[in-house]
C-alpha atoms as a PDB file:
ATOM      1  CA  MET A   1      -5.487 -19.633   1.744  1.00  0.00           C
ATOM      2  CA  MET A   2      -4.264 -16.005   2.373  1.00  0.00           C
ATOM      3  CA  ASN A   3      -6.269 -12.850   3.713  1.00  0.00           C
ATOM      4  CA  VAL A   4      -5.026  -9.850   2.318  1.00  0.00           C
ATOM      5  CA  ILE A   5      -5.288  -6.282   2.841  1.00  0.00           C
ATOM      6  CA  VAL A   6      -4.542  -3.460   0.584  1.00  0.00           C
ATOM      7  CA  THR A   7      -4.895   0.386   1.017  1.00  0.00           C
ATOM      8  CA  GLY A   8      -5.098   3.033  -1.701  1.00  0.00           C
ATOM      9  CA  ALA A   9      -7.418   0.061  -3.862  1.00  0.00           C
ATOM     10  CA  SER A  10      -9.131   2.425  -5.632  1.00  0.00           C
ATOM     11  CA  SER A  11      -6.330   3.575  -8.110  1.00  0.00           C
ATOM     12  CA  GLY A  12      -2.898   3.071  -9.761  1.00  0.00           C
ATOM     13  CA  VAL A  13      -1.445   0.062  -8.649  1.00  0.00           C
ATOM     14  CA  GLY A  14      -3.551  -0.510  -5.631  1.00  0.00           C
ATOM     15  CA  TYR A  15      -6.542  -0.480  -7.907  1.00  0.00           C
ATOM     16  CA  GLU A  16      -4.917  -3.005 -10.391  1.00  0.00           C
ATOM     17  CA  LEU A  17      -3.182  -5.155  -7.224  1.00  0.00           C
ATOM     18  CA  THR A  18      -6.457  -5.706  -5.653  1.00  0.00           C
ATOM     19  CA  LYS A  19      -8.202  -7.165  -8.763  1.00  0.00           C
ATOM     20  CA  LYS A  20      -5.242  -9.484  -9.506  1.00  0.00           C
ATOM     21  CA  LEU A  21      -5.825 -10.637  -5.713  1.00  0.00           C
ATOM     22  CA  ILE A  22      -9.278 -11.008  -6.288  1.00  0.00           C
ATOM     23  CA  ALA A  23      -8.784 -13.410  -9.350  1.00  0.00           C
ATOM     24  CA  ASP A  24      -6.022 -15.620  -7.671  1.00  0.00           C
ATOM     25  CA  THR A  25      -7.127 -18.959  -6.071  1.00  0.00           C
ATOM     26  CA  ARG A  26      -4.702 -18.776  -3.473  1.00  0.00           C
ATOM     27  CA  ILE A  27      -6.513 -15.703  -1.640  1.00  0.00           C
ATOM     28  CA  SER A  28      -9.189 -16.675   0.484  1.00  0.00           C
ATOM     29  CA  LYS A  29     -10.259 -12.905   1.378  1.00  0.00           C
ATOM     30  CA  VAL A  30      -9.205  -9.384   0.181  1.00  0.00           C
ATOM     31  CA  LEU A  31     -10.093  -6.286   1.844  1.00  0.00           C
ATOM     32  CA  GLY A  32      -9.627  -3.111   0.000  1.00  0.00           C
ATOM     33  CA  ILE A  33      -9.307   0.004   1.909  1.00  0.00           C
ATOM     34  CA  ALA A  34      -9.819   3.594  -0.024  1.00  0.00           C
ATOM     35  CA  ARG A  35     -11.802   6.807  -0.062  1.00  0.00           C
ATOM     36  CA  ARG A  36     -13.346   6.557  -3.657  1.00  0.00           C
ATOM     37  CA  LYS A  37     -16.404   4.243  -3.068  1.00  0.00           C
ATOM     38  CA  LYS A  38     -16.927   4.438  -7.132  1.00  0.00           C
ATOM     39  CA  ARG A  39     -14.112   2.792  -7.566  1.00  0.00           C
ATOM     40  CA  LEU A  40     -14.084   0.127  -5.140  1.00  0.00           C
ATOM     41  CA  ASP A  41     -17.626  -0.296  -6.423  1.00  0.00           C
ATOM     42  CA  GLU A  42     -16.013  -1.490  -9.655  1.00  0.00           C
ATOM     43  CA  LEU A  43     -13.880  -4.122  -7.979  1.00  0.00           C
ATOM     44  CA  VAL A  44     -17.272  -5.130  -6.414  1.00  0.00           C
ATOM     45  CA  GLU A  45     -18.683  -5.518 -10.064  1.00  0.00           C
ATOM     46  CA  TYR A  46     -15.548  -7.352 -11.116  1.00  0.00           C
ATOM     47  CA  ALA A  47     -15.577  -9.901  -8.281  1.00  0.00           C
ATOM     48  CA  ASN A  48     -19.179 -10.639  -9.078  1.00  0.00           C
ATOM     49  CA  SER A  49     -18.216 -10.964 -12.926  1.00  0.00           C
ATOM     50  CA  ILE A  50     -15.869 -13.930 -11.980  1.00  0.00           C
ATOM     51  CA  GLY A  51     -17.614 -15.568  -9.344  1.00  0.00           C
ATOM     52  CA  ARG A  52     -15.374 -14.565  -6.452  1.00  0.00           C
ATOM     53  CA  ARG A  53     -17.853 -11.859  -4.819  1.00  0.00           C
ATOM     54  CA  ASP A  54     -17.590 -13.353  -1.382  1.00  0.00           C
ATOM     55  CA  VAL A  55     -13.555 -12.975  -1.646  1.00  0.00           C
ATOM     56  CA  PHE A  56     -13.532  -8.997  -1.843  1.00  0.00           C
ATOM     57  CA  THR A  57     -14.920  -6.633   1.040  1.00  0.00           C
ATOM     58  CA  PRO A  58     -14.825  -3.271   0.083  1.00  0.00           C
ATOM     59  CA  LEU A  59     -13.827  -0.637   3.021  1.00  0.00           C
ATOM     60  CA  ALA A  60     -14.428   3.129   1.899  1.00  0.00           C
ATOM     61  CA  LYS A  61     -13.154   5.006   4.030  1.00  0.00           C
ATOM     62  CA  ASP A  62      -9.816   6.948   5.000  1.00  0.00           C
ATOM     63  CA  VAL A  63      -7.092   4.450   6.211  1.00  0.00           C
ATOM     64  CA  SER A  64      -6.389   6.962   8.762  1.00  0.00           C
ATOM     65  CA  THR A  65      -9.440   6.618  10.287  1.00  0.00           C
ATOM     66  CA  VAL A  66     -10.652   2.939   9.923  1.00  0.00           C
ATOM     67  CA  SER A  67     -10.949   0.886  13.067  1.00  0.00           C
ATOM     68  CA  LEU A  68      -9.722  -2.583  14.445  1.00  0.00           C
ATOM     69  CA  ASN A  69     -13.511  -3.389  14.646  1.00  0.00           C
ATOM     70  CA  GLU A  70     -14.043  -2.816  10.956  1.00  0.00           C
ATOM     71  CA  ILE A  71     -11.504  -5.047   9.841  1.00  0.00           C
ATOM     72  CA  SER A  72     -11.648  -7.657  12.448  1.00  0.00           C
ATOM     73  CA  SER A  73     -15.556  -8.196  11.457  1.00  0.00           C
ATOM     74  CA  HIS A  74     -14.527  -9.224   8.075  1.00  0.00           C
ATOM     75  CA  LEU A  75     -10.882 -10.709   8.731  1.00  0.00           C
ATOM     76  CA  ASN A  76      -9.507 -13.029  11.762  1.00  0.00           C
ATOM     77  CA  ARG A  77      -6.214 -12.751  10.627  1.00  0.00           C
ATOM     78  CA  VAL A  78      -3.593 -11.249   8.197  1.00  0.00           C
ATOM     79  CA  ASP A  79      -1.439 -12.824   6.090  1.00  0.00           C
ATOM     80  CA  ALA A  80      -0.429  -9.885   3.936  1.00  0.00           C
ATOM     81  CA  LEU A  81      -0.388  -6.234   4.374  1.00  0.00           C
ATOM     82  CA  VAL A  82       0.095  -3.509   1.373  1.00  0.00           C
ATOM     83  CA  ASN A  83       0.349  -0.299   2.365  1.00  0.00           C
ATOM     84  CA  ASN A  84       0.003   1.386  -0.806  1.00  0.00           C
ATOM     85  CA  ALA A  85      -1.835   4.476  -0.343  1.00  0.00           C
ATOM     86  CA  GLY A  86       0.177   7.465  -0.817  1.00  0.00           C
ATOM     87  CA  MET A  87      -0.009  11.261  -1.066  1.00  0.00           C
ATOM     88  CA  LEU A  88       1.902  13.451  -3.227  1.00  0.00           C
ATOM     89  CA  ILE A  89       2.152  17.337  -3.113  1.00  0.00           C
ATOM     90  CA  SER A  90       4.315  18.958  -5.878  1.00  0.00           C
ATOM     91  CA  LYS A  91       5.556  22.577  -4.484  1.00  0.00           C
ATOM     92  CA  PRO A  92       8.844  23.987  -4.320  1.00  0.00           C
ATOM     93  CA  PHE A  93      10.212  23.484  -0.557  1.00  0.00           C
ATOM     94  CA  LEU A  94       9.733  26.982   0.252  1.00  0.00           C
ATOM     95  CA  GLU A  95       5.978  27.153  -0.566  1.00  0.00           C
ATOM     96  CA  LEU A  96       5.384  24.235   1.405  1.00  0.00           C
ATOM     97  CA  SER A  97       3.095  24.762   4.474  1.00  0.00           C
ATOM     98  CA  GLU A  98       3.269  22.806   7.955  1.00  0.00           C
ATOM     99  CA  GLU A  99      -0.407  21.869   6.800  1.00  0.00           C
ATOM    100  CA  ASP A 100       1.263  20.358   3.541  1.00  0.00           C
ATOM    101  CA  PHE A 101       3.922  18.239   5.235  1.00  0.00           C
ATOM    102  CA  MET A 102       1.457  17.192   8.054  1.00  0.00           C
ATOM    103  CA  GLU A 103      -0.959  15.884   5.334  1.00  0.00           C
ATOM    104  CA  ILE A 104       1.795  13.773   3.129  1.00  0.00           C
ATOM    105  CA  TYR A 105       3.312  12.598   6.297  1.00  0.00           C
ATOM    106  CA  LYS A 106      -0.244  11.580   7.975  1.00  0.00           C
ATOM    107  CA  VAL A 107      -0.860   9.372   4.694  1.00  0.00           C
ATOM    108  CA  ASN A 108       2.699   8.229   3.765  1.00  0.00           C
ATOM    109  CA  VAL A 109       3.839   7.510   7.157  1.00  0.00           C
ATOM    110  CA  PHE A 110       1.350   7.927  10.215  1.00  0.00           C
ATOM    111  CA  ALA A 111      -1.334   6.136   8.834  1.00  0.00           C
ATOM    112  CA  PRO A 112       0.625   2.654   7.498  1.00  0.00           C
ATOM    113  CA  ALA A 113       2.286   2.934  11.032  1.00  0.00           C
ATOM    114  CA  ARG A 114      -0.864   3.365  12.677  1.00  0.00           C
ATOM    115  CA  LEU A 115      -2.544   0.581  10.801  1.00  0.00           C
ATOM    116  CA  ILE A 116       0.539  -1.991  11.560  1.00  0.00           C
ATOM    117  CA  GLN A 117      -0.154  -1.288  15.453  1.00  0.00           C
ATOM    118  CA  MET A 118      -3.524  -1.898  15.434  1.00  0.00           C
ATOM    119  CA  LEU A 119      -3.547  -5.081  13.009  1.00  0.00           C
ATOM    120  CA  LYS A 120      -0.351  -6.836  14.773  1.00  0.00           C
ATOM    121  CA  PRO A 121      -2.760  -9.084  16.924  1.00  0.00           C
ATOM    122  CA  LEU A 122      -3.818 -10.572  13.588  1.00  0.00           C
ATOM    123  CA  MET A 123      -0.513 -11.120  12.500  1.00  0.00           C
ATOM    124  CA  GLY A 124       2.341 -13.872  12.466  1.00  0.00           C
ATOM    125  CA  GLY A 125       2.113 -16.499  15.031  1.00  0.00           C
ATOM    126  CA  GLU A 126       2.069 -19.911  13.247  1.00  0.00           C
ATOM    127  CA  LYS A 127       1.931 -18.550   9.877  1.00  0.00           C
ATOM    128  CA  THR A 128       4.015 -15.666   8.763  1.00  0.00           C
ATOM    129  CA  THR A 129       2.805 -12.390   7.959  1.00  0.00           C
ATOM    130  CA  HIS A 130       4.173 -10.351   5.259  1.00  0.00           C
ATOM    131  CA  ILE A 131       3.910  -6.522   5.338  1.00  0.00           C
ATOM    132  CA  VAL A 132       5.129  -4.521   2.245  1.00  0.00           C
ATOM    133  CA  ASN A 133       5.260  -1.009   2.773  1.00  0.00           C
ATOM    134  CA  ILE A 134       5.145   1.046  -0.778  1.00  0.00           C
ATOM    135  CA  GLY A 135       7.989   3.726  -0.820  1.00  0.00           C
ATOM    136  CA  SER A 136       9.763   5.309  -3.997  1.00  0.00           C
ATOM    137  CA  MET A 137      13.040   5.842  -5.440  1.00  0.00           C
ATOM    138  CA  GLY A 138      12.852   9.087  -4.457  1.00  0.00           C
ATOM    139  CA  GLY A 139      12.800   8.377  -1.080  1.00  0.00           C
ATOM    140  CA  PHE A 140      15.948   6.283  -1.663  1.00  0.00           C
ATOM    141  CA  GLN A 141      19.273   7.818  -0.362  1.00  0.00           C
ATOM    142  CA  GLY A 142      21.787   8.593  -3.492  1.00  0.00           C
ATOM    143  CA  ALA A 143      18.921   8.136  -5.879  1.00  0.00           C
ATOM    144  CA  SER A 144      17.884  10.903  -8.276  1.00  0.00           C
ATOM    145  CA  LYS A 145      15.798  13.604  -6.683  1.00  0.00           C
ATOM    146  CA  PHE A 146      13.491  16.255  -8.437  1.00  0.00           C
ATOM    147  CA  PRO A 147      12.351  19.682  -7.243  1.00  0.00           C
ATOM    148  CA  GLY A 148       9.113  20.115  -5.815  1.00  0.00           C
ATOM    149  CA  LEU A 149       9.048  16.914  -4.294  1.00  0.00           C
ATOM    150  CA  SER A 150      10.617  17.289  -0.812  1.00  0.00           C
ATOM    151  CA  ALA A 151       7.754  16.484   1.262  1.00  0.00           C
ATOM    152  CA  TYR A 152       6.758  13.514  -0.696  1.00  0.00           C
ATOM    153  CA  SER A 153      10.367  12.102  -0.942  1.00  0.00           C
ATOM    154  CA  SER A 154      11.321  12.681   2.764  1.00  0.00           C
ATOM    155  CA  SER A 155       8.170  10.895   3.838  1.00  0.00           C
ATOM    156  CA  LYS A 156       9.071   7.739   1.452  1.00  0.00           C
ATOM    157  CA  SER A 157      12.382   7.905   3.237  1.00  0.00           C
ATOM    158  CA  ALA A 158      10.845   7.436   6.513  1.00  0.00           C
ATOM    159  CA  ILE A 159       8.597   4.822   5.364  1.00  0.00           C
ATOM    160  CA  ALA A 160      11.825   3.227   4.500  1.00  0.00           C
ATOM    161  CA  GLY A 161      13.490   3.503   7.749  1.00  0.00           C
ATOM    162  CA  LEU A 162      10.560   2.564   9.413  1.00  0.00           C
ATOM    163  CA  SER A 163      10.097  -0.699   7.789  1.00  0.00           C
ATOM    164  CA  GLU A 164      13.675  -1.728   8.398  1.00  0.00           C
ATOM    165  CA  CYS A 165      13.017  -1.013  11.986  1.00  0.00           C
ATOM    166  CA  LEU A 166      10.224  -2.804  12.232  1.00  0.00           C
ATOM    167  CA  ALA A 167      11.534  -5.863   9.978  1.00  0.00           C
ATOM    168  CA  GLU A 168      14.349  -6.291  13.347  1.00  0.00           C
ATOM    169  CA  GLU A 169      11.273  -5.678  15.764  1.00  0.00           C
ATOM    170  CA  PHE A 170       9.066  -8.079  14.477  1.00  0.00           C
ATOM    171  CA  LYS A 171      11.894 -10.867  13.616  1.00  0.00           C
ATOM    172  CA  ASN A 172      11.020 -13.245  16.348  1.00  0.00           C
ATOM    173  CA  ASP A 173       6.976 -12.891  15.675  1.00  0.00           C
ATOM    174  CA  ASN A 174       6.901 -14.656  12.166  1.00  0.00           C
ATOM    175  CA  ILE A 175       6.014 -11.252  10.831  1.00  0.00           C
ATOM    176  CA  LYS A 176       8.162  -9.874   7.904  1.00  0.00           C
ATOM    177  CA  VAL A 177       8.588  -6.406   6.770  1.00  0.00           C
ATOM    178  CA  ASN A 178       9.708  -5.063   3.515  1.00  0.00           C
ATOM    179  CA  CYS A 179       9.508  -1.894   1.583  1.00  0.00           C
ATOM    180  CA  LEU A 180       9.132  -1.765  -2.387  1.00  0.00           C
ATOM    181  CA  ALA A 181      10.893   1.540  -3.762  1.00  0.00           C
ATOM    182  CA  PHE A 182       9.281   2.324  -6.808  1.00  0.00           C
ATOM    183  CA  GLY A 183      10.534   3.996  -9.787  1.00  0.00           C
ATOM    184  CA  ALA A 184       8.350   5.556 -12.314  1.00  0.00           C
ATOM    185  CA  VAL A 185       5.158   3.775 -12.790  1.00  0.00           C
ATOM    186  CA  GLN A 186       2.278   5.340 -15.252  1.00  0.00           C
ATOM    187  CA  THR A 187      -0.012   6.547 -12.333  1.00  0.00           C
ATOM    188  CA  GLU A 188      -2.357   9.598 -11.729  1.00  0.00           C
ATOM    189  CA  MET A 189      -0.109  10.733  -9.024  1.00  0.00           C
ATOM    190  CA  LEU A 190       3.169  10.184 -11.373  1.00  0.00           C
ATOM    191  CA  GLU A 191       1.361  12.533 -13.913  1.00  0.00           C
ATOM    192  CA  LYS A 192       0.509  15.085 -11.045  1.00  0.00           C
ATOM    193  CA  ALA A 193       4.096  15.149 -10.261  1.00  0.00           C
ATOM    194  CA  PHE A 194       5.443  14.869 -14.205  1.00  0.00           C
ATOM    195  CA  PRO A 195       2.864  16.071 -16.422  1.00  0.00           C
ATOM    196  CA  GLY A 196       3.193  14.621 -19.955  1.00  0.00           C
ATOM    197  CA  PHE A 197       5.713  12.024 -18.792  1.00  0.00           C
ATOM    198  CA  GLN A 198       5.471   8.355 -20.032  1.00  0.00           C
ATOM    199  CA  ALA A 199       6.735   5.891 -17.566  1.00  0.00           C
ATOM    200  CA  PRO A 200       8.206   2.947 -18.644  1.00  0.00           C
ATOM    201  CA  LEU A 201       5.727   0.541 -16.825  1.00  0.00           C
ATOM    202  CA  SER A 202       2.030   0.450 -16.547  1.00  0.00           C
ATOM    203  CA  SER A 203       0.197   0.145 -12.891  1.00  0.00           C
ATOM    204  CA  PHE A 204      -0.708  -3.200 -14.590  1.00  0.00           C
ATOM    205  CA  GLN A 205       2.562  -4.197 -15.075  1.00  0.00           C
ATOM    206  CA  MET A 206       3.787  -3.126 -11.630  1.00  0.00           C
ATOM    207  CA  ALA A 207       0.910  -4.672  -9.879  1.00  0.00           C
ATOM    208  CA  ASP A 208       2.311  -8.147 -10.942  1.00  0.00           C
ATOM    209  CA  PHE A 209       5.402  -7.839  -9.667  1.00  0.00           C
ATOM    210  CA  VAL A 210       3.749  -6.387  -6.249  1.00  0.00           C
ATOM    211  CA  LEU A 211       1.342  -9.213  -6.250  1.00  0.00           C
ATOM    212  CA  ASP A 212       4.054 -12.009  -6.314  1.00  0.00           C
ATOM    213  CA  PHE A 213       6.440 -10.092  -4.124  1.00  0.00           C
ATOM    214  CA  SER A 214       3.458  -9.754  -1.145  1.00  0.00           C
ATOM    215  CA  LEU A 215       2.780 -13.839  -1.442  1.00  0.00           C
ATOM    216  CA  ASN A 216       6.227 -14.911  -1.763  1.00  0.00           C
ATOM    217  CA  GLY A 217       9.046 -11.937  -1.363  1.00  0.00           C
ATOM    218  CA  HIS A 218       9.269 -12.489   2.670  1.00  0.00           C
ATOM    219  CA  VAL A 219      10.797 -15.914   1.724  1.00  0.00           C
ATOM    220  CA  TYR A 220      13.970 -14.373  -0.321  1.00  0.00           C
ATOM    221  CA  TYR A 221      14.042 -10.770   1.577  1.00  0.00           C
END
């Protein structure tokens, strides 16, 4: 049985992933962190409806401000951490302010880094922990880039690089670290970046992949 934390659990892939984790009998505890309490309440209702209320704990907070005490009061260890919370600001580079950059990097890079540092005592040891950071093909060197996404894409490059560094640094602690670089997935964030574009994959479909990867991907990658 596994304990899993998902950030950005109130929308898109994070929401669908959390629903799937709640229903998965391999999971003993799911902690969903997000700012949108209404959407987290929907997940509570879903857990109730399938008789899994004791499995799901909502934490309606900005992931940048959550404390170790708030998490450890519900979980005594972490088997999988999915850093899914993300932010996108679409503006031409010359119109981006320092505040825009700081806001995007705070959510996409600094918050997951802080969460990993904070939760390290609850990870690894005799049982493997898998950290999955959600990146983007927009942050992958050599992939197509799009105007207006320089702050977002560069932040996703940063989380990919951080993931590689932590995979090396934690390799003797029984903690595996991977970064999934998503392509186009139909989410609110994609609609904001590319209004009217229809992605080939839904959030529901991508959540299936992330669920399997979070629980099993570290065996192969």
